[in-house]
Amino acid sequence: MSMSKTSKKLMLRLAFLVVPFVILTLVVLDSKSGGQTGGGAYDLSGLIYGLVLFAWIAVWMLWMLVACLISKTPPDRNMYLKLFLIGIVALVAAYFVTPQMF
């Protein structure tokens, strides 16, 4: 069973969101632990990593929106629109992951 070209594109572009989201989320959550690595709950490094997380998601969403607008085929447009909506979900999830920022 082989994957379609659209599915491969979807997985590749989704990886650009999922991998940094997981890494930065783990760093932000580690900063709350009070351990030697991350520091305290209101540590400046946690704020910076949280801002990097939001910035990365915003750039990724902009990339998906531009790709949706310039795509030529309807399946590609639908794929990029779904990825953009996944970005909105990731933005909301990032809001709940980094509560010390607000």
PDB file of N, CA and C in Angstrom:
ATOM      1  N   MET A   1       0.852  -1.163   0.000  1.00  0.00           N
ATOM      2  CA  MET A   1       0.000   0.000   0.000  1.00  0.00           C
ATOM      3  C   MET A   1       0.906   1.237   0.000  1.00  0.00           C
ATOM      4  N   SER A   2       0.777   2.042  -1.017  1.00  0.00           N
ATOM      5  CA  SER A   2       1.605   3.248  -1.087  1.00  0.00           C
ATOM      6  C   SER A   2       0.774   4.473  -0.728  1.00  0.00           C
ATOM      7  N   MET A   3       1.480   5.461  -0.258  1.00  0.00           N
ATOM      8  CA  MET A   3       0.809   6.697   0.150  1.00  0.00           C
ATOM      9  C   MET A   3       0.697   7.629  -1.046  1.00  0.00           C
ATOM     10  N   SER A   4      -0.350   8.409  -1.063  1.00  0.00           N
ATOM     11  CA  SER A   4      -0.505   9.374  -2.140  1.00  0.00           C
ATOM     12  C   SER A   4       0.445  10.549  -1.932  1.00  0.00           C
ATOM     13  N   LYS A   5       0.622  11.312  -2.984  1.00  0.00           N
ATOM     14  CA  LYS A   5       1.523  12.466  -2.925  1.00  0.00           C
ATOM     15  C   LYS A   5       1.016  13.497  -1.917  1.00  0.00           C
ATOM     16  N   THR A   6      -0.300  13.669  -1.862  1.00  0.00           N
ATOM     17  CA  THR A   6      -0.882  14.626  -0.922  1.00  0.00           C
ATOM     18  C   THR A   6      -0.660  14.182   0.518  1.00  0.00           C
ATOM     19  N   SER A   7      -0.769  12.890   0.784  1.00  0.00           N
ATOM     20  CA  SER A   7      -0.543  12.390   2.146  1.00  0.00           C
ATOM     21  C   SER A   7       0.900  12.587   2.580  1.00  0.00           C
ATOM     22  N   LYS A   8       1.833  12.388   1.656  1.00  0.00           N
ATOM     23  CA  LYS A   8       3.244  12.608   1.979  1.00  0.00           C
ATOM     24  C   LYS A   8       3.503  14.077   2.287  1.00  0.00           C
ATOM     25  N   LYS A   9       2.901  14.969   1.491  1.00  0.00           N
ATOM     26  CA  LYS A   9       3.048  16.408   1.748  1.00  0.00           C
ATOM     27  C   LYS A   9       2.459  16.771   3.104  1.00  0.00           C
ATOM     28  N   LEU A  10       1.292  16.208   3.395  1.00  0.00           N
ATOM     29  CA  LEU A  10       0.619  16.487   4.660  1.00  0.00           C
ATOM     30  C   LEU A  10       1.492  16.069   5.842  1.00  0.00           C
ATOM     31  N   MET A  11       2.045  14.885   5.786  1.00  0.00           N
ATOM     32  CA  MET A  11       2.863  14.395   6.894  1.00  0.00           C
ATOM     33  C   MET A  11       4.141  15.210   7.047  1.00  0.00           C
ATOM     34  N   LEU A  12       4.759  15.591   5.943  1.00  0.00           N
ATOM     35  CA  LEU A  12       5.986  16.375   6.012  1.00  0.00           C
ATOM     36  C   LEU A  12       5.728  17.744   6.626  1.00  0.00           C
ATOM     37  N   ARG A  13       4.691  18.411   6.183  1.00  0.00           N
ATOM     38  CA  ARG A  13       4.400  19.745   6.699  1.00  0.00           C
ATOM     39  C   ARG A  13       3.907  19.697   8.143  1.00  0.00           C
ATOM     40  N   LEU A  14       3.200  18.647   8.482  1.00  0.00           N
ATOM     41  CA  LEU A  14       2.742  18.490   9.859  1.00  0.00           C
ATOM     42  C   LEU A  14       3.921  18.233  10.797  1.00  0.00           C
ATOM     43  N   ALA A  15       4.948  17.586  10.295  1.00  0.00           N
ATOM     44  CA  ALA A  15       6.145  17.351  11.106  1.00  0.00           C
ATOM     45  C   ALA A  15       6.832  18.661  11.468  1.00  0.00           C
ATOM     46  N   PHE A  16       6.748  19.662  10.586  1.00  0.00           N
ATOM     47  CA  PHE A  16       7.341  20.962  10.878  1.00  0.00           C
ATOM     48  C   PHE A  16       6.621  21.670  12.024  1.00  0.00           C
ATOM     49  N   LEU A  17       5.409  21.251  12.344  1.00  0.00           N
ATOM     50  CA  LEU A  17       4.694  21.807  13.487  1.00  0.00           C
ATOM     51  C   LEU A  17       4.850  20.923  14.721  1.00  0.00           C
ATOM     52  N   VAL A  18       4.695  19.629  14.548  1.00  0.00           N
ATOM     53  CA  VAL A  18       4.647  18.718  15.688  1.00  0.00           C
ATOM     54  C   VAL A  18       5.990  18.612  16.409  1.00  0.00           C
ATOM     55  N   VAL A  19       7.071  18.453  15.663  1.00  0.00           N
ATOM     56  CA  VAL A  19       8.382  18.249  16.298  1.00  0.00           C
ATOM     57  C   VAL A  19       8.799  19.457  17.141  1.00  0.00           C
ATOM     58  N   PRO A  20       8.795  20.692  16.601  1.00  0.00           N
ATOM     59  CA  PRO A  20       9.156  21.830  17.462  1.00  0.00           C
ATOM     60  C   PRO A  20       8.165  22.046  18.603  1.00  0.00           C
ATOM     61  N   PHE A  21       6.871  21.775  18.366  1.00  0.00           N
ATOM     62  CA  PHE A  21       5.875  21.944  19.414  1.00  0.00           C
ATOM     63  C   PHE A  21       6.178  21.017  20.589  1.00  0.00           C
ATOM     64  N   VAL A  22       6.488  19.771  20.298  1.00  0.00           N
ATOM     65  CA  VAL A  22       6.785  18.809  21.365  1.00  0.00           C
ATOM     66  C   VAL A  22       8.057  19.204  22.106  1.00  0.00           C
ATOM     67  N   ILE A  23       9.103  19.560  21.372  1.00  0.00           N
ATOM     68  CA  ILE A  23      10.369  19.929  22.012  1.00  0.00           C
ATOM     69  C   ILE A  23      10.197  21.159  22.894  1.00  0.00           C
ATOM     70  N   LEU A  24       9.589  22.211  22.355  1.00  0.00           N
ATOM     71  CA  LEU A  24       9.438  23.440  23.134  1.00  0.00           C
ATOM     72  C   LEU A  24       8.457  23.266  24.285  1.00  0.00           C
ATOM     73  N   THR A  25       7.429  22.442  24.103  1.00  0.00           N
ATOM     74  CA  THR A  25       6.496  22.176  25.195  1.00  0.00           C
ATOM     75  C   THR A  25       7.198  21.456  26.337  1.00  0.00           C
ATOM     76  N   LEU A  26       8.035  20.488  26.012  1.00  0.00           N
ATOM     77  CA  LEU A  26       8.776  19.790  27.058  1.00  0.00           C
ATOM     78  C   LEU A  26       9.724  20.731  27.791  1.00  0.00           C
ATOM     79  N   VAL A  27      10.350  21.648  27.068  1.00  0.00           N
ATOM     80  CA  VAL A  27      11.250  22.612  27.714  1.00  0.00           C
ATOM     81  C   VAL A  27      10.466  23.541  28.629  1.00  0.00           C
ATOM     82  N   VAL A  28       9.314  24.032  28.150  1.00  0.00           N
ATOM     83  CA  VAL A  28       8.497  24.940  28.964  1.00  0.00           C
ATOM     84  C   VAL A  28       7.971  24.221  30.198  1.00  0.00           C
ATOM     85  N   LEU A  29       7.507  22.984  30.048  1.00  0.00           N
ATOM     86  CA  LEU A  29       6.999  22.237  31.199  1.00  0.00           C
ATOM     87  C   LEU A  29       8.123  21.872  32.161  1.00  0.00           C
ATOM     88  N   ASP A  30       9.329  21.658  31.654  1.00  0.00           N
ATOM     89  CA  ASP A  30      10.460  21.365  32.522  1.00  0.00           C
ATOM     90  C   ASP A  30      10.841  22.588  33.347  1.00  0.00           C
ATOM     91  N   SER A  31      10.610  23.772  32.809  1.00  0.00           N
ATOM     92  CA  SER A  31      10.972  24.980  33.553  1.00  0.00           C
ATOM     93  C   SER A  31      10.086  25.169  34.779  1.00  0.00           C
ATOM     94  N   LYS A  32       8.927  24.514  34.816  1.00  0.00           N
ATOM     95  CA  LYS A  32       8.044  24.603  35.981  1.00  0.00           C
ATOM     96  C   LYS A  32       8.438  23.633  37.082  1.00  0.00           C
ATOM     97  N   SER A  33       9.296  22.681  36.773  1.00  0.00           N
ATOM     98  CA  SER A  33       9.555  21.600  37.720  1.00  0.00           C
ATOM     99  C   SER A  33      10.359  22.039  38.932  1.00  0.00           C
ATOM    100  N   GLY A  34      11.084  23.135  38.833  1.00  0.00           N
ATOM    101  CA  GLY A  34      11.895  23.580  39.943  1.00  0.00           C
ATOM    102  C   GLY A  34      13.207  22.845  40.043  1.00  0.00           C
ATOM    103  N   GLY A  35      13.532  22.051  39.036  1.00  0.00           N
ATOM    104  CA  GLY A  35      14.778  21.296  39.046  1.00  0.00           C
ATOM    105  C   GLY A  35      15.960  22.149  38.625  1.00  0.00           C
ATOM    106  N   GLN A  36      17.093  21.521  38.551  1.00  0.00           N
ATOM    107  CA  GLN A  36      18.320  22.222  38.196  1.00  0.00           C
ATOM    108  C   GLN A  36      18.306  22.697  36.749  1.00  0.00           C
ATOM    109  N   THR A  37      17.649  21.964  35.872  1.00  0.00           N
ATOM    110  CA  THR A  37      17.731  22.266  34.447  1.00  0.00           C
ATOM    111  C   THR A  37      16.903  23.476  34.070  1.00  0.00           C
ATOM    112  N   GLY A  38      15.638  23.495  34.478  1.00  0.00           N
ATOM    113  CA  GLY A  38      14.742  24.514  33.967  1.00  0.00           C
ATOM    114  C   GLY A  38      14.584  25.734  34.832  1.00  0.00           C
ATOM    115  N   GLY A  39      14.780  25.631  36.105  1.00  0.00           N
ATOM    116  CA  GLY A  39      14.582  26.785  36.969  1.00  0.00           C
ATOM    117  C   GLY A  39      13.181  26.829  37.538  1.00  0.00           C
ATOM    118  N   GLY A  40      12.749  28.015  37.955  1.00  0.00           N
ATOM    119  CA  GLY A  40      11.457  28.181  38.595  1.00  0.00           C
ATOM    120  C   GLY A  40      10.330  28.390  37.613  1.00  0.00           C
ATOM    121  N   ALA A  41       9.122  28.527  38.157  1.00  0.00           N
ATOM    122  CA  ALA A  41       7.944  28.664  37.309  1.00  0.00           C
ATOM    123  C   ALA A  41       7.929  29.986  36.563  1.00  0.00           C
ATOM    124  N   TYR A  42       8.516  31.018  37.122  1.00  0.00           N
ATOM    125  CA  TYR A  42       8.515  32.317  36.458  1.00  0.00           C
ATOM    126  C   TYR A  42       9.900  32.672  35.936  1.00  0.00           C
ATOM    127  N   ASP A  43      10.650  31.659  35.579  1.00  0.00           N
ATOM    128  CA  ASP A  43      11.991  31.850  35.044  1.00  0.00           C
ATOM    129  C   ASP A  43      11.900  32.519  33.676  1.00  0.00           C
ATOM    130  N   LEU A  44      12.846  33.373  33.377  1.00  0.00           N
ATOM    131  CA  LEU A  44      12.850  34.086  32.103  1.00  0.00           C
ATOM    132  C   LEU A  44      13.031  33.133  30.931  1.00  0.00           C
ATOM    133  N   SER A  45      13.771  32.049  31.123  1.00  0.00           N
ATOM    134  CA  SER A  45      13.970  31.104  30.025  1.00  0.00           C
ATOM    135  C   SER A  45      12.650  30.446  29.623  1.00  0.00           C
ATOM    136  N   GLY A  46      11.776  30.164  30.591  1.00  0.00           N
ATOM    137  CA  GLY A  46      10.468  29.608  30.259  1.00  0.00           C
ATOM    138  C   GLY A  46       9.640  30.574  29.439  1.00  0.00           C
ATOM    139  N   LEU A  47       9.728  31.854  29.764  1.00  0.00           N
ATOM    140  CA  LEU A  47       9.011  32.868  28.995  1.00  0.00           C
ATOM    141  C   LEU A  47       9.552  32.948  27.575  1.00  0.00           C
ATOM    142  N   ILE A  48      10.863  32.898  27.442  1.00  0.00           N
ATOM    143  CA  ILE A  48      11.466  32.979  26.109  1.00  0.00           C
ATOM    144  C   ILE A  48      11.090  31.762  25.275  1.00  0.00           C
ATOM    145  N   TYR A  49      11.174  30.575  25.868  1.00  0.00           N
ATOM    146  CA  TYR A  49      10.796  29.375  25.124  1.00  0.00           C
ATOM    147  C   TYR A  49       9.308  29.380  24.781  1.00  0.00           C
ATOM    148  N   GLY A  50       8.478  29.888  25.658  1.00  0.00           N
ATOM    149  CA  GLY A  50       7.056  30.011  25.349  1.00  0.00           C
ATOM    150  C   GLY A  50       6.809  30.952  24.191  1.00  0.00           C
ATOM    151  N   LEU A  51       7.530  32.073  24.172  1.00  0.00           N
ATOM    152  CA  LEU A  51       7.402  33.008  23.053  1.00  0.00           C
ATOM    153  C   LEU A  51       7.911  32.397  21.755  1.00  0.00           C
ATOM    154  N   VAL A  52       8.981  31.617  21.838  1.00  0.00           N
ATOM    155  CA  VAL A  52       9.484  30.927  20.648  1.00  0.00           C
ATOM    156  C   VAL A  52       8.440  29.941  20.138  1.00  0.00           C
ATOM    157  N   LEU A  53       7.767  29.264  21.054  1.00  0.00           N
ATOM    158  CA  LEU A  53       6.714  28.331  20.669  1.00  0.00           C
ATOM    159  C   LEU A  53       5.597  29.051  19.923  1.00  0.00           C
ATOM    160  N   PHE A  54       5.130  30.173  20.455  1.00  0.00           N
ATOM    161  CA  PHE A  54       4.083  30.939  19.782  1.00  0.00           C
ATOM    162  C   PHE A  54       4.563  31.473  18.437  1.00  0.00           C
ATOM    163  N   ALA A  55       5.792  31.961  18.374  1.00  0.00           N
ATOM    164  CA  ALA A  55       6.326  32.497  17.121  1.00  0.00           C
ATOM    165  C   ALA A  55       6.445  31.397  16.070  1.00  0.00           C
ATOM    166  N   TRP A  56       6.911  30.214  16.481  1.00  0.00           N
ATOM    167  CA  TRP A  56       7.042  29.120  15.528  1.00  0.00           C
ATOM    168  C   TRP A  56       5.680  28.723  14.967  1.00  0.00           C
ATOM    169  N   ILE A  57       4.673  28.630  15.810  1.00  0.00           N
ATOM    170  CA  ILE A  57       3.335  28.266  15.333  1.00  0.00           C
ATOM    171  C   ILE A  57       2.794  29.346  14.405  1.00  0.00           C
ATOM    172  N   ALA A  58       3.021  30.619  14.734  1.00  0.00           N
ATOM    173  CA  ALA A  58       2.541  31.709  13.882  1.00  0.00           C
ATOM    174  C   ALA A  58       3.209  31.676  12.510  1.00  0.00           C
ATOM    175  N   VAL A  59       4.506  31.442  12.475  1.00  0.00           N
ATOM    176  CA  VAL A  59       5.215  31.362  11.189  1.00  0.00           C
ATOM    177  C   VAL A  59       4.717  30.164  10.389  1.00  0.00           C
ATOM    178  N   TRP A  60       4.509  29.045  11.063  1.00  0.00           N
ATOM    179  CA  TRP A  60       4.019  27.850  10.382  1.00  0.00           C
ATOM    180  C   TRP A  60       2.621  28.089   9.810  1.00  0.00           C
ATOM    181  N   MET A  61       1.756  28.758  10.579  1.00  0.00           N
ATOM    182  CA  MET A  61       0.406  29.051  10.093  1.00  0.00           C
ATOM    183  C   MET A  61       0.450  29.996   8.899  1.00  0.00           C
ATOM    184  N   LEU A  62       1.338  30.972   8.936  1.00  0.00           N
ATOM    185  CA  LEU A  62       1.493  31.884   7.801  1.00  0.00           C
ATOM    186  C   LEU A  62       1.962  31.120   6.563  1.00  0.00           C
ATOM    187  N   TRP A  63       2.890  30.194   6.750  1.00  0.00           N
ATOM    188  CA  TRP A  63       3.371  29.365   5.646  1.00  0.00           C
ATOM    189  C   TRP A  63       2.219  28.561   5.044  1.00  0.00           C
ATOM    190  N   MET A  64       1.364  27.971   5.879  1.00  0.00           N
ATOM    191  CA  MET A  64       0.246  27.176   5.383  1.00  0.00           C
ATOM    192  C   MET A  64      -0.793  28.050   4.682  1.00  0.00           C
ATOM    193  N   LEU A  65      -1.013  29.256   5.202  1.00  0.00           N
ATOM    194  CA  LEU A  65      -1.980  30.156   4.579  1.00  0.00           C
ATOM    195  C   LEU A  65      -1.504  30.610   3.205  1.00  0.00           C
ATOM    196  N   VAL A  66      -0.243  30.979   3.087  1.00  0.00           N
ATOM    197  CA  VAL A  66       0.303  31.388   1.789  1.00  0.00           C
ATOM    198  C   VAL A  66       0.279  30.213   0.818  1.00  0.00           C
ATOM    199  N   ALA A  67       0.644  29.030   1.290  1.00  0.00           N
ATOM    200  CA  ALA A  67       0.616  27.846   0.428  1.00  0.00           C
ATOM    201  C   ALA A  67      -0.807  27.539  -0.028  1.00  0.00           C
ATOM    202  N   CYS A  68      -1.777  27.755   0.833  1.00  0.00           N
ATOM    203  CA  CYS A  68      -3.178  27.538   0.464  1.00  0.00           C
ATOM    204  C   CYS A  68      -3.611  28.522  -0.614  1.00  0.00           C
ATOM    205  N   LEU A  69      -3.174  29.760  -0.485  1.00  0.00           N
ATOM    206  CA  LEU A  69      -3.574  30.781  -1.451  1.00  0.00           C
ATOM    207  C   LEU A  69      -2.920  30.586  -2.816  1.00  0.00           C
ATOM    208  N   ILE A  70      -1.716  30.032  -2.864  1.00  0.00           N
ATOM    209  CA  ILE A  70      -1.043  29.884  -4.157  1.00  0.00           C
ATOM    210  C   ILE A  70      -1.161  28.479  -4.741  1.00  0.00           C
ATOM    211  N   SER A  71      -1.784  27.553  -4.027  1.00  0.00           N
ATOM    212  CA  SER A  71      -1.914  26.191  -4.562  1.00  0.00           C
ATOM    213  C   SER A  71      -2.898  26.192  -5.726  1.00  0.00           C
ATOM    214  N   LYS A  72      -2.641  25.291  -6.664  1.00  0.00           N
ATOM    215  CA  LYS A  72      -3.416  25.280  -7.901  1.00  0.00           C
ATOM    216  C   LYS A  72      -4.515  24.221  -7.929  1.00  0.00           C
ATOM    217  N   THR A  73      -4.370  23.169  -7.157  1.00  0.00           N
ATOM    218  CA  THR A  73      -5.355  22.090  -7.208  1.00  0.00           C
ATOM    219  C   THR A  73      -6.223  22.100  -5.946  1.00  0.00           C
ATOM    220  N   PRO A  74      -7.494  21.760  -6.079  1.00  0.00           N
ATOM    221  CA  PRO A  74      -8.383  21.727  -4.912  1.00  0.00           C
ATOM    222  C   PRO A  74      -7.939  20.773  -3.799  1.00  0.00           C
ATOM    223  N   PRO A  75      -7.402  19.572  -4.100  1.00  0.00           N
ATOM    224  CA  PRO A  75      -6.943  18.733  -2.971  1.00  0.00           C
ATOM    225  C   PRO A  75      -5.810  19.385  -2.179  1.00  0.00           C
ATOM    226  N   ASP A  76      -4.903  20.058  -2.881  1.00  0.00           N
ATOM    227  CA  ASP A  76      -3.823  20.752  -2.171  1.00  0.00           C
ATOM    228  C   ASP A  76      -4.368  21.894  -1.327  1.00  0.00           C
ATOM    229  N   ARG A  77      -5.327  22.631  -1.867  1.00  0.00           N
ATOM    230  CA  ARG A  77      -5.937  23.726  -1.092  1.00  0.00           C
ATOM    231  C   ARG A  77      -6.594  23.197   0.172  1.00  0.00           C
ATOM    232  N   ASN A  78      -7.322  22.099   0.028  1.00  0.00           N
ATOM    233  CA  ASN A  78      -7.982  21.507   1.201  1.00  0.00           C
ATOM    234  C   ASN A  78      -6.963  21.036   2.229  1.00  0.00           C
ATOM    235  N   MET A  79      -5.860  20.452   1.748  1.00  0.00           N
ATOM    236  CA  MET A  79      -4.824  19.983   2.660  1.00  0.00           C
ATOM    237  C   MET A  79      -4.227  21.155   3.434  1.00  0.00           C
ATOM    238  N   TYR A  80      -3.888  22.235   2.730  1.00  0.00           N
ATOM    239  CA  TYR A  80      -3.289  23.389   3.404  1.00  0.00           C
ATOM    240  C   TYR A  80      -4.279  24.064   4.347  1.00  0.00           C
ATOM    241  N   LEU A  81      -5.552  24.066   3.984  1.00  0.00           N
ATOM    242  CA  LEU A  81      -6.567  24.630   4.873  1.00  0.00           C
ATOM    243  C   LEU A  81      -6.692  23.796   6.150  1.00  0.00           C
ATOM    244  N   LYS A  82      -6.661  22.477   6.008  1.00  0.00           N
ATOM    245  CA  LYS A  82      -6.701  21.606   7.194  1.00  0.00           C
ATOM    246  C   LYS A  82      -5.473  21.827   8.069  1.00  0.00           C
ATOM    247  N   LEU A  83      -4.315  21.963   7.434  1.00  0.00           N
ATOM    248  CA  LEU A  83      -3.096  22.213   8.203  1.00  0.00           C
ATOM    249  C   LEU A  83      -3.159  23.565   8.914  1.00  0.00           C
ATOM    250  N   PHE A  84      -3.751  24.559   8.275  1.00  0.00           N
ATOM    251  CA  PHE A  84      -3.916  25.864   8.913  1.00  0.00           C
ATOM    252  C   PHE A  84      -4.817  25.744  10.141  1.00  0.00           C
ATOM    253  N   LEU A  85      -5.897  24.975  10.016  1.00  0.00           N
ATOM    254  CA  LEU A  85      -6.796  24.772  11.154  1.00  0.00           C
ATOM    255  C   LEU A  85      -6.106  23.989  12.270  1.00  0.00           C
ATOM    256  N   ILE A  86      -5.246  23.046  11.910  1.00  0.00           N
ATOM    257  CA  ILE A  86      -4.451  22.337  12.918  1.00  0.00           C
ATOM    258  C   ILE A  86      -3.532  23.320  13.631  1.00  0.00           C
ATOM    259  N   GLY A  87      -3.020  24.306  12.900  1.00  0.00           N
ATOM    260  CA  GLY A  87      -2.190  25.344  13.507  1.00  0.00           C
ATOM    261  C   GLY A  87      -2.958  26.157  14.533  1.00  0.00           C
ATOM    262  N   ILE A  88      -4.228  26.434  14.258  1.00  0.00           N
ATOM    263  CA  ILE A  88      -5.058  27.157  15.228  1.00  0.00           C
ATOM    264  C   ILE A  88      -5.226  26.319  16.497  1.00  0.00           C
ATOM    265  N   VAL A  89      -5.449  25.012  16.326  1.00  0.00           N
ATOM    266  CA  VAL A  89      -5.559  24.120  17.481  1.00  0.00           C
ATOM    267  C   VAL A  89      -4.246  24.106  18.265  1.00  0.00           C
ATOM    268  N   ALA A  90      -3.123  24.088  17.558  1.00  0.00           N
ATOM    269  CA  ALA A  90      -1.815  24.101  18.225  1.00  0.00           C
ATOM    270  C   ALA A  90      -1.597  25.407  18.973  1.00  0.00           C
ATOM    271  N   LEU A  91      -2.083  26.509  18.430  1.00  0.00           N
ATOM    272  CA  LEU A  91      -1.963  27.801  19.101  1.00  0.00           C
ATOM    273  C   LEU A  91      -2.758  27.807  20.404  1.00  0.00           C
ATOM    274  N   VAL A  92      -3.956  27.241  20.377  1.00  0.00           N
ATOM    275  CA  VAL A  92      -4.765  27.142  21.594  1.00  0.00           C
ATOM    276  C   VAL A  92      -4.089  26.209  22.599  1.00  0.00           C
ATOM    277  N   ALA A  93      -3.531  25.102  22.114  1.00  0.00           N
ATOM    278  CA  ALA A  93      -2.824  24.180  23.008  1.00  0.00           C
ATOM    279  C   ALA A  93      -1.607  24.851  23.628  1.00  0.00           C
ATOM    280  N   ALA A  94      -0.908  25.662  22.856  1.00  0.00           N
ATOM    281  CA  ALA A  94       0.261  26.378  23.384  1.00  0.00           C
ATOM    282  C   ALA A  94      -0.161  27.371  24.460  1.00  0.00           C
ATOM    283  N   TYR A  95      -1.332  27.950  24.316  1.00  0.00           N
ATOM    284  CA  TYR A  95      -1.845  28.869  25.328  1.00  0.00           C
ATOM    285  C   TYR A  95      -2.016  28.150  26.666  1.00  0.00           C
ATOM    286  N   PHE A  96      -2.490  26.906  26.620  1.00  0.00           N
ATOM    287  CA  PHE A  96      -2.685  26.154  27.854  1.00  0.00           C
ATOM    288  C   PHE A  96      -1.386  25.562  28.388  1.00  0.00           C
ATOM    289  N   VAL A  97      -0.403  25.361  27.521  1.00  0.00           N
ATOM    290  CA  VAL A  97       0.882  24.816  27.956  1.00  0.00           C
ATOM    291  C   VAL A  97       1.704  25.869  28.680  1.00  0.00           C
ATOM    292  N   THR A  98       1.564  27.112  28.289  1.00  0.00           N
ATOM    293  CA  THR A  98       2.400  28.186  28.846  1.00  0.00           C
ATOM    294  C   THR A  98       1.574  29.170  29.667  1.00  0.00           C
ATOM    295  N   PRO A  99       0.921  28.729  30.743  1.00  0.00           N
ATOM    296  CA  PRO A  99       0.063  29.644  31.505  1.00  0.00           C
ATOM    297  C   PRO A  99       0.837  30.705  32.271  1.00  0.00           C
ATOM    298  N   GLN A 100       2.119  30.500  32.559  1.00  0.00           N
ATOM    299  CA  GLN A 100       2.857  31.499  33.319  1.00  0.00           C
ATOM    300  C   GLN A 100       3.119  32.756  32.499  1.00  0.00           C
ATOM    301  N   MET A 101       2.869  32.702  31.197  1.00  0.00           N
ATOM    302  CA  MET A 101       3.099  33.883  30.368  1.00  0.00           C
ATOM    303  C   MET A 101       1.957  34.887  30.488  1.00  0.00           C
ATOM    304  N   PHE A 102       0.784  34.442  30.941  1.00  0.00           N
ATOM    305  CA  PHE A 102      -0.394  35.315  30.887  1.00  0.00           C
ATOM    306  C   PHE A 102      -0.900  35.658  32.269  1.00  0.00           C
TER     307      PHE A 102
END
